[in-house]
Protein backbone atom coordinates (compact mmCIF):
# COMPACT_ATOMS: atom_id res chain seq x y z
CA MET A 1 -44.43 31.31 25.03
CA VAL A 2 -43.05 27.59 25.31
CA SER A 3 -39.38 27.33 25.59
CA VAL A 4 -37.26 24.24 25.25
CA LEU A 5 -34.18 25.29 25.93
CA PRO A 6 -33.05 22.49 28.39
CA ALA A 7 -34.13 19.75 26.15
CA ALA A 8 -32.24 21.09 23.20
CA ILE A 9 -28.89 21.74 25.07
CA ILE A 10 -29.01 18.27 26.41
CA GLY A 11 -30.33 16.68 22.64
CA SER A 12 -27.40 18.75 20.80
CA ALA A 13 -24.50 17.25 23.60
CA GLY A 14 -26.23 13.54 23.19
CA ALA A 15 -25.97 13.72 19.48
CA GLY A 16 -22.33 15.20 19.49
CA LEU A 17 -20.99 12.81 21.70
CA VAL A 18 -22.76 9.85 19.55
CA GLY A 19 -21.25 11.34 16.62
CA SER A 20 -17.71 11.91 18.15
CA SER A 21 -18.07 7.75 18.83
CA MET A 22 -19.24 6.84 15.42
CA GLN A 23 -16.31 9.02 13.96
CA ALA A 24 -14.13 7.19 16.42
CA ASN A 25 -15.06 3.78 15.19
CA ALA A 26 -15.02 4.65 11.42
CA ILE A 27 -11.51 5.71 11.47
CA GLY A 28 -10.28 2.91 13.61
CA SER A 29 -12.07 0.73 11.21
CA ALA A 30 -10.63 2.30 8.04
CA ALA A 31 -6.72 2.53 10.05
CA GLN A 32 -7.14 -1.23 11.08
CA GLN A 33 -8.12 -2.05 7.19
CA GLN A 34 -5.31 -0.07 5.83
CA ALA A 35 -3.12 -1.65 8.14
CA ALA A 36 -3.96 -5.16 7.20
CA ALA A 37 -3.57 -4.38 3.48
CA ALA A 38 0.00 -3.35 4.23
CA GLN A 39 0.67 -6.20 5.91
CA THR A 40 -0.74 -8.38 3.08
CA ALA A 41 1.64 -6.52 0.55
CA ALA A 42 4.32 -6.91 3.27
CA GLN A 43 3.70 -10.82 3.33
CA GLN A 44 3.32 -11.32 -0.93
CA GLN A 45 6.58 -9.25 -1.27
CA MET A 46 8.52 -11.41 0.69
CA ALA A 47 6.34 -14.51 -0.60
CA MET A 48 7.59 -13.43 -4.10
CA PHE A 49 10.97 -13.20 -3.13
CA ASN A 50 11.24 -16.64 -1.93
CA GLN A 51 9.67 -17.91 -5.27
CA VAL A 52 13.01 -16.06 -6.52
CA GLN A 53 15.21 -17.78 -4.42
CA GLN A 54 13.89 -21.17 -4.94
CA ASN A 55 14.07 -21.02 -8.75
CA LEU A 56 17.61 -19.29 -8.31
CA SER A 57 18.97 -22.12 -6.42
CA PRO A 58 20.12 -24.35 -8.82
CA PHE A 59 21.97 -21.87 -10.62
CA MET A 60 23.89 -20.93 -7.65
CA GLN A 61 24.40 -24.78 -6.32
CA GLY A 62 26.01 -25.29 -9.80
CA GLY A 63 28.10 -22.12 -9.72
CA GLN A 64 29.55 -23.36 -6.30
CA THR A 65 30.19 -26.92 -7.43
CA ALA A 66 31.77 -25.64 -10.79
CA LEU A 67 34.15 -23.25 -8.85
CA GLN A 68 35.17 -26.04 -6.38
CA GLN A 69 36.11 -27.84 -9.24
CA LEU A 70 38.04 -25.11 -10.68
CA GLN A 71 39.89 -24.16 -8.00
CA GLY A 72 40.91 -27.93 -7.66
CA LEU A 73 41.95 -28.50 -11.39
CA THR A 74 44.29 -25.05 -11.22
CA GLY A 75 45.03 -25.40 -7.48
CA ALA A 76 43.73 -22.14 -6.50
CA GLY A 77 41.67 -23.46 -3.50
CA ALA A 78 43.15 -23.61 -0.31
CA GLY A 79 46.60 -25.55 0.22
CA GLY A 80 46.53 -26.27 -3.69
CA ASN A 81 49.90 -26.25 -5.93
CA PRO A 82 49.05 -24.66 -9.70
CA LEU A 83 52.90 -26.47 -10.32
CA THR A 84 51.22 -29.86 -9.28
CA ALA A 85 47.40 -29.18 -10.72
CA PRO A 86 46.02 -31.21 -13.83
CA LEU A 87 45.06 -27.94 -15.82
CA THR A 88 48.30 -25.72 -14.80
CA THR A 89 50.95 -28.41 -14.65
CA PRO A 90 53.54 -27.84 -17.10
CA PHE A 91 53.45 -29.94 -20.04
CA GLN A 92 56.86 -32.16 -20.19
CA PRO A 93 56.28 -35.24 -21.75
CA THR A 94 58.64 -38.18 -22.29
CA MET A 95 59.80 -39.55 -24.94
CA ALA A 96 57.67 -42.81 -24.29
CA GLN A 97 54.56 -40.69 -23.71
CA LEU A 98 54.91 -39.28 -26.94
CA GLN A 99 55.35 -42.28 -28.75
CA GLN A 100 51.82 -43.24 -27.32
CA THR A 101 50.47 -40.57 -29.31
CA PRO A 102 47.89 -42.28 -31.56
CA GLY A 103 49.56 -42.60 -35.38
CA TYR A 104 52.83 -41.52 -34.05
CA GLN A 105 54.20 -45.15 -34.16
CA PHE A 106 52.76 -45.44 -37.51
CA SER A 107 54.03 -42.35 -38.73
CA LEU A 108 57.95 -42.77 -37.59
CA ASP A 109 58.01 -46.41 -39.58
CA GLN A 110 56.47 -44.86 -42.76
CA GLY A 111 59.05 -42.26 -42.43
CA LEU A 112 62.10 -44.54 -41.77
CA LYS A 113 61.26 -46.62 -44.67
CA ALA A 114 61.16 -44.19 -47.15
CA THR A 115 63.95 -42.38 -45.74
CA GLN A 116 65.99 -45.53 -46.16
CA ASN A 117 64.35 -46.06 -49.80
CA ASN A 118 65.79 -43.18 -51.04
CA TYR A 119 69.13 -43.73 -49.58
CA ALA A 120 69.05 -47.38 -50.93
CA ALA A 121 67.67 -45.50 -54.23
CA GLN A 122 70.95 -43.55 -54.11
CA GLY A 123 73.33 -46.75 -53.24
CA LEU A 124 73.63 -45.57 -49.99
CA GLY A 125 71.05 -47.82 -47.84
CA ALA A 126 73.68 -48.99 -45.13
CA SER A 127 76.02 -45.70 -45.04
CA GLY A 128 76.36 -43.26 -42.28
CA ALA A 129 74.19 -40.67 -44.54
CA ALA A 130 71.11 -43.27 -44.31
CA MET A 131 71.39 -43.36 -40.69
CA LYS A 132 71.97 -39.60 -39.80
CA GLY A 133 68.79 -39.36 -42.10
CA ALA A 134 66.89 -41.50 -40.31
CA ALA A 135 67.75 -40.45 -37.09
CA ASN A 136 66.67 -36.71 -38.76
CA TYR A 137 63.88 -38.15 -39.54
CA ALA A 138 62.88 -39.61 -36.60
CA GLU A 139 64.10 -36.30 -34.25
CA GLY A 140 61.75 -34.37 -36.58
CA LEU A 141 59.06 -36.41 -35.83
CA ALA A 142 59.02 -36.18 -32.18
CA GLY A 143 59.45 -32.71 -31.72
CA THR A 144 56.33 -32.11 -34.65
CA THR A 145 54.76 -34.30 -31.95
CA TYR A 146 55.21 -33.10 -29.12
CA GLN A 147 54.66 -29.53 -30.31
CA GLN A 148 51.02 -30.80 -31.63
CA GLN A 149 50.57 -32.44 -28.39
CA PHE A 150 51.46 -29.29 -26.49
CA THR A 151 49.23 -27.17 -28.03
CA ASN A 152 46.24 -29.96 -27.93
CA ASN A 153 47.02 -30.31 -24.19
CA LEU A 154 47.10 -26.33 -23.91
CA THR A 155 43.18 -26.40 -25.75
CA GLN A 156 42.15 -29.55 -23.92
CA ASN A 157 42.90 -27.38 -20.43
CA ALA A 158 41.59 -23.98 -21.75
CA GLN A 159 38.25 -25.59 -22.89
CA ILE A 160 37.62 -27.25 -19.51
CA ALA A 161 38.62 -24.38 -17.63
CA SER A 162 36.09 -22.08 -19.92
CA ILE A 163 33.51 -24.69 -19.65
CA LEU A 164 33.76 -24.70 -15.30
CA GLN A 165 34.27 -20.81 -15.63
CA ASN A 166 31.00 -20.59 -17.23
CA GLN A 167 29.16 -22.39 -15.10
CA VAL A 168 30.62 -20.18 -12.27
CA ASN A 169 29.68 -17.15 -14.06
CA THR A 170 26.14 -18.41 -14.04
CA GLY A 171 26.11 -19.39 -10.41
CA ALA A 172 27.94 -15.71 -9.70
CA ASN A 173 24.87 -13.73 -11.88
CA ALA A 174 22.49 -15.85 -10.21
CA ALA A 175 23.50 -14.89 -6.39
CA ALA A 176 23.91 -11.32 -7.72
CA GLY A 177 20.17 -11.15 -8.65
CA LEU A 178 19.07 -12.51 -5.75
CA SER A 179 21.42 -10.23 -3.81
CA SER A 180 19.34 -7.57 -5.52
CA ALA A 181 16.16 -9.03 -5.89
CA GLY A 182 16.26 -9.41 -1.81
CA ILE A 183 17.54 -5.72 -1.15
CA GLN A 184 14.31 -4.76 -3.28
CA SER A 185 11.92 -7.22 -1.70
CA GLN A 186 13.24 -6.29 1.90
CA GLY A 187 12.77 -2.41 0.98
CA LEU A 188 9.57 -2.73 -0.22
CA ALA A 189 7.91 -4.94 2.52
CA ASN A 190 9.31 -2.50 5.05
CA GLN A 191 7.57 0.24 3.23
CA ALA A 192 4.66 -1.73 3.65
CA THR A 193 5.03 -2.45 7.44
CA MET A 194 5.91 1.18 8.30
CA SER A 195 3.02 2.39 6.01
CA GLY A 196 0.67 0.20 7.78
CA ALA A 197 2.44 1.37 11.21
CA ALA A 198 1.56 4.85 10.33
CA ALA A 199 -1.84 4.18 9.31
CA SER A 200 -2.27 2.43 12.84
CA ALA A 201 -0.75 5.40 14.37
CA ALA A 202 -3.05 7.61 12.22
CA GLY A 203 -6.32 5.81 13.48
CA THR A 204 -5.15 5.93 17.14
CA VAL A 205 -4.64 9.95 17.11
CA GLY A 206 -7.89 10.16 14.76
CA GLN A 207 -10.01 8.19 17.24
CA ALA A 208 -8.56 9.87 20.40
CA ASN A 209 -9.37 13.45 18.83
CA ALA A 210 -12.82 12.52 17.89
CA TYR A 211 -13.54 11.46 21.78
CA ALA A 212 -11.96 14.18 22.63
CA SER A 213 -14.53 16.35 20.40
CA GLY A 214 -17.65 14.70 21.62
CA ILE A 215 -16.15 14.97 25.64
CA SER A 216 -15.51 18.93 24.28
CA GLY A 217 -18.91 19.26 23.10
CA LEU A 218 -20.71 17.82 26.00
CA GLY A 219 -18.85 20.11 28.98
CA SER A 220 -20.01 23.26 26.69
CA ALA A 221 -22.90 22.09 26.57
CA ALA A 222 -22.80 21.74 30.33
CA THR A 223 -21.42 25.24 30.17
CA ASN A 224 -24.31 26.38 28.46
CA TYR A 225 -26.71 25.23 30.27
CA GLY A 226 -25.66 26.80 33.05
CA LEU A 227 -25.32 29.85 31.74
CA ILE A 228 -29.11 29.68 30.53
CA ASN A 229 -30.07 28.38 33.91
CA MET A 230 -28.39 31.59 35.93
CA MET A 231 -29.86 33.92 33.45
CA ASN A 232 -33.12 32.59 34.04
CA ASN A 233 -33.07 32.71 37.74
CA ASN A 234 -32.44 36.17 37.41
CA SER A 235 -36.01 36.56 35.11
CA MET A 236 -33.56 37.46 32.04
CA PHE A 237 -36.58 35.13 29.76
CA GLY A 238 -39.19 36.90 31.69
CA THR A 239 -41.25 36.11 34.53
CA PRO A 240 -41.89 32.34 34.65
CA THR A 241 -45.03 30.72 35.91
CA ALA A 242 -43.10 28.85 38.55
CA THR A 243 -40.05 30.01 41.12
CA ASN A 244 -37.09 28.52 39.75
CA VAL A 245 -38.44 26.48 36.97
CA PHE A 246 -35.44 25.25 35.83
CA ASN A 247 -33.85 24.45 39.67
CA SER A 248 -37.12 22.89 41.10
CA MET A 249 -38.35 20.89 37.77
CA PRO A 250 -37.32 17.31 38.10
CA GLN A 251 -34.54 15.95 35.69
CA ALA A 252 -37.23 13.67 34.16
CA GLU A 253 -39.20 16.99 33.06
CA TRP A 254 -36.45 19.12 31.57
CA ALA A 255 -37.34 17.97 28.21
CA GLN A 256 -41.36 18.97 28.95
CA PRO A 257 -42.00 22.26 27.70
CA TYR A 258 -42.93 24.67 30.13
CA VAL A 259 -45.03 28.36 29.55
CA THR A 260 -43.42 31.54 30.36
CA GLU A 261 -45.07 35.38 30.59
């Protein structure tokens, strides 16, 4: 009967070690690819955030400029005084300023002439009543002009403040959107980075386990070989044609078959 037990044990152990090495290399390669993909995803996510930041930057800058202007016009800035700011200064025009209102002088002249003509038609052209009537007309025109100019001033200031406030709101919304995008992008990038790190760590552990499995198989093969050798020395496989065939046979001939009775 031909026995090939030593060769089979050695061959099996070698094949197991080679297989473990191939498995470890495959695990390491897969882990590297996954880690690289995760790193690429993190970089792309941050690149997208940088593009969003670049797109929103003009709106945020415009909002900041409008805010500075609005603070200056309302006295809301550091050290500002609302009572002296252009948009919040109390409207207190002088009579001379009211007389500079477009159309005021024309209305005054035409009104006084009409008043004088009216009293003249009654034979009171130079009377005190005529003079009082002219004064009442001039006073009424001044009051009406003041109220009109006050309303115009208030409307104009409100429009200026509204325009600037809209620009401020646009900048604030852009800043809020960028902040949200930044938090989201950083979170996704962190997840991708952690995923890559986990893949790399898992690959390292997998490689170690594969190598350990191969080494363990090699140790088991050595143990099995020693046990078979001991059994052979005790003639448990029959009486060999030569004494201690396993021990006396050169290692180069282990893989060669031998004949037992």
